[in-house]
Amino acid sequence: MKQETLSSPEIASILENSRELDRLTFEINKLHKKLQATPEVVEKPGDSSLSKLKTLYIQGRDLSGKEVTNELSG
């Protein structure tokens, strides 16, 4: 089995994606904890917690898809 060597820019890109995924995971977990502790907040007019959560999940999905695409094309 041949092992490929990654270039410095590829490694930097992987590390940056990893940091961004860690940040998104942290934000998602923080928001989940907030919603579990105070579920009534979601029912208040003007609350955007679920919208923020959806946006974070979409960003995570897109970033993960980008990672997979980069791995397949590399």
C-alpha atoms as a PDB file:
ATOM      1  CA  MET A   1       0.000   0.000   0.000  1.00  0.00           C
ATOM      2  CA  LYS A   2       1.524   3.285  -1.136  1.00  0.00           C
ATOM      3  CA  GLN A   3       1.473   6.111   1.373  1.00  0.00           C
ATOM      4  CA  GLU A   4       1.158   9.659   0.040  1.00  0.00           C
ATOM      5  CA  THR A   5       3.033  12.566   1.548  1.00  0.00           C
ATOM      6  CA  LEU A   6       1.036  15.710   2.194  1.00  0.00           C
ATOM      7  CA  SER A   7       2.413  19.103   1.281  1.00  0.00           C
ATOM      8  CA  SER A   8       2.689  21.888   3.835  1.00  0.00           C
ATOM      9  CA  PRO A   9      -0.315  23.779   2.371  1.00  0.00           C
ATOM     10  CA  GLU A  10      -2.409  20.584   2.529  1.00  0.00           C
ATOM     11  CA  ILE A  11      -1.452  20.021   6.156  1.00  0.00           C
ATOM     12  CA  ALA A  12      -2.207  23.657   6.991  1.00  0.00           C
ATOM     13  CA  SER A  13      -5.610  23.341   5.321  1.00  0.00           C
ATOM     14  CA  ILE A  14      -6.443  20.169   7.255  1.00  0.00           C
ATOM     15  CA  LEU A  15      -5.419  21.804  10.536  1.00  0.00           C
ATOM     16  CA  GLU A  16      -7.490  24.909   9.775  1.00  0.00           C
ATOM     17  CA  ASN A  17     -10.548  22.779   8.929  1.00  0.00           C
ATOM     18  CA  SER A  18     -10.026  20.799  12.114  1.00  0.00           C
ATOM     19  CA  ARG A  19      -9.875  23.968  14.213  1.00  0.00           C
ATOM     20  CA  GLU A  20     -13.013  25.297  12.547  1.00  0.00           C
ATOM     21  CA  LEU A  21     -14.865  22.010  13.126  1.00  0.00           C
ATOM     22  CA  ASP A  22     -13.777  22.092  16.787  1.00  0.00           C
ATOM     23  CA  ARG A  23     -15.090  25.656  17.101  1.00  0.00           C
ATOM     24  CA  LEU A  24     -18.411  24.720  15.488  1.00  0.00           C
ATOM     25  CA  THR A  25     -18.751  21.664  17.737  1.00  0.00           C
ATOM     26  CA  PHE A  26     -18.085  23.814  20.799  1.00  0.00           C
ATOM     27  CA  GLU A  27     -20.699  26.378  19.720  1.00  0.00           C
ATOM     28  CA  ILE A  28     -23.272  23.659  18.937  1.00  0.00           C
ATOM     29  CA  ASN A  29     -22.712  21.995  22.322  1.00  0.00           C
ATOM     30  CA  LYS A  30     -22.947  25.328  24.124  1.00  0.00           C
ATOM     31  CA  LEU A  31     -26.235  26.133  22.410  1.00  0.00           C
ATOM     32  CA  HIS A  32     -27.611  22.649  23.118  1.00  0.00           C
ATOM     33  CA  LYS A  33     -26.808  23.046  26.820  1.00  0.00           C
ATOM     34  CA  LYS A  34     -28.506  26.451  26.880  1.00  0.00           C
ATOM     35  CA  LEU A  35     -31.628  25.050  25.206  1.00  0.00           C
ATOM     36  CA  GLN A  36     -31.733  22.042  27.527  1.00  0.00           C
ATOM     37  CA  ALA A  37     -31.417  24.267  30.583  1.00  0.00           C
ATOM     38  CA  THR A  38     -34.024  26.796  29.434  1.00  0.00           C
ATOM     39  CA  PRO A  39     -36.251  25.280  26.727  1.00  0.00           C
ATOM     40  CA  GLU A  40     -38.847  27.999  27.260  1.00  0.00           C
ATOM     41  CA  VAL A  41     -36.464  30.499  25.642  1.00  0.00           C
ATOM     42  CA  VAL A  42     -37.207  29.019  22.209  1.00  0.00           C
ATOM     43  CA  GLU A  43     -40.876  29.920  22.529  1.00  0.00           C
ATOM     44  CA  LYS A  44     -40.183  33.602  23.186  1.00  0.00           C
ATOM     45  CA  PRO A  45     -40.765  35.974  20.280  1.00  0.00           C
ATOM     46  CA  GLY A  46     -37.537  37.112  18.663  1.00  0.00           C
ATOM     47  CA  ASP A  47     -35.452  34.207  19.927  1.00  0.00           C
ATOM     48  CA  SER A  48     -33.093  32.968  17.242  1.00  0.00           C
ATOM     49  CA  SER A  49     -31.545  30.000  19.074  1.00  0.00           C
ATOM     50  CA  LEU A  50     -32.903  27.365  16.697  1.00  0.00           C
ATOM     51  CA  SER A  51     -31.910  29.438  13.680  1.00  0.00           C
ATOM     52  CA  LYS A  52     -28.365  29.794  15.055  1.00  0.00           C
ATOM     53  CA  LEU A  53     -28.222  26.069  15.742  1.00  0.00           C
ATOM     54  CA  LYS A  54     -29.363  25.268  12.211  1.00  0.00           C
ATOM     55  CA  THR A  55     -26.741  27.634  10.770  1.00  0.00           C
ATOM     56  CA  LEU A  56     -23.983  25.989  12.836  1.00  0.00           C
ATOM     57  CA  TYR A  57     -25.058  22.523  11.678  1.00  0.00           C
ATOM     58  CA  ILE A  58     -25.068  23.673   8.046  1.00  0.00           C
ATOM     59  CA  GLN A  59     -21.596  25.180   8.422  1.00  0.00           C
ATOM     60  CA  GLY A  60     -20.341  21.935   9.961  1.00  0.00           C
ATOM     61  CA  ARG A  61     -21.913  19.855   7.183  1.00  0.00           C
ATOM     62  CA  ASP A  62     -20.407  22.082   4.495  1.00  0.00           C
ATOM     63  CA  LEU A  63     -16.975  22.042   6.106  1.00  0.00           C
ATOM     64  CA  SER A  64     -17.070  18.250   6.477  1.00  0.00           C
ATOM     65  CA  GLY A  65     -18.142  17.908   2.842  1.00  0.00           C
ATOM     66  CA  LYS A  66     -15.276  20.149   1.791  1.00  0.00           C
ATOM     67  CA  GLU A  67     -12.844  17.958   3.750  1.00  0.00           C
ATOM     68  CA  VAL A  68     -14.129  14.791   2.082  1.00  0.00           C
ATOM     69  CA  THR A  69     -13.961  16.405  -1.363  1.00  0.00           C
ATOM     70  CA  ASN A  70     -10.365  17.500  -0.737  1.00  0.00           C
ATOM     71  CA  GLU A  71      -9.401  14.000   0.395  1.00  0.00           C
ATOM     72  CA  LEU A  72     -10.975  12.398  -2.658  1.00  0.00           C
ATOM     73  CA  SER A  73      -9.371  14.825  -5.096  1.00  0.00           C
ATOM     74  CA  GLY A  74      -5.942  14.631  -3.401  1.00  0.00           C
END
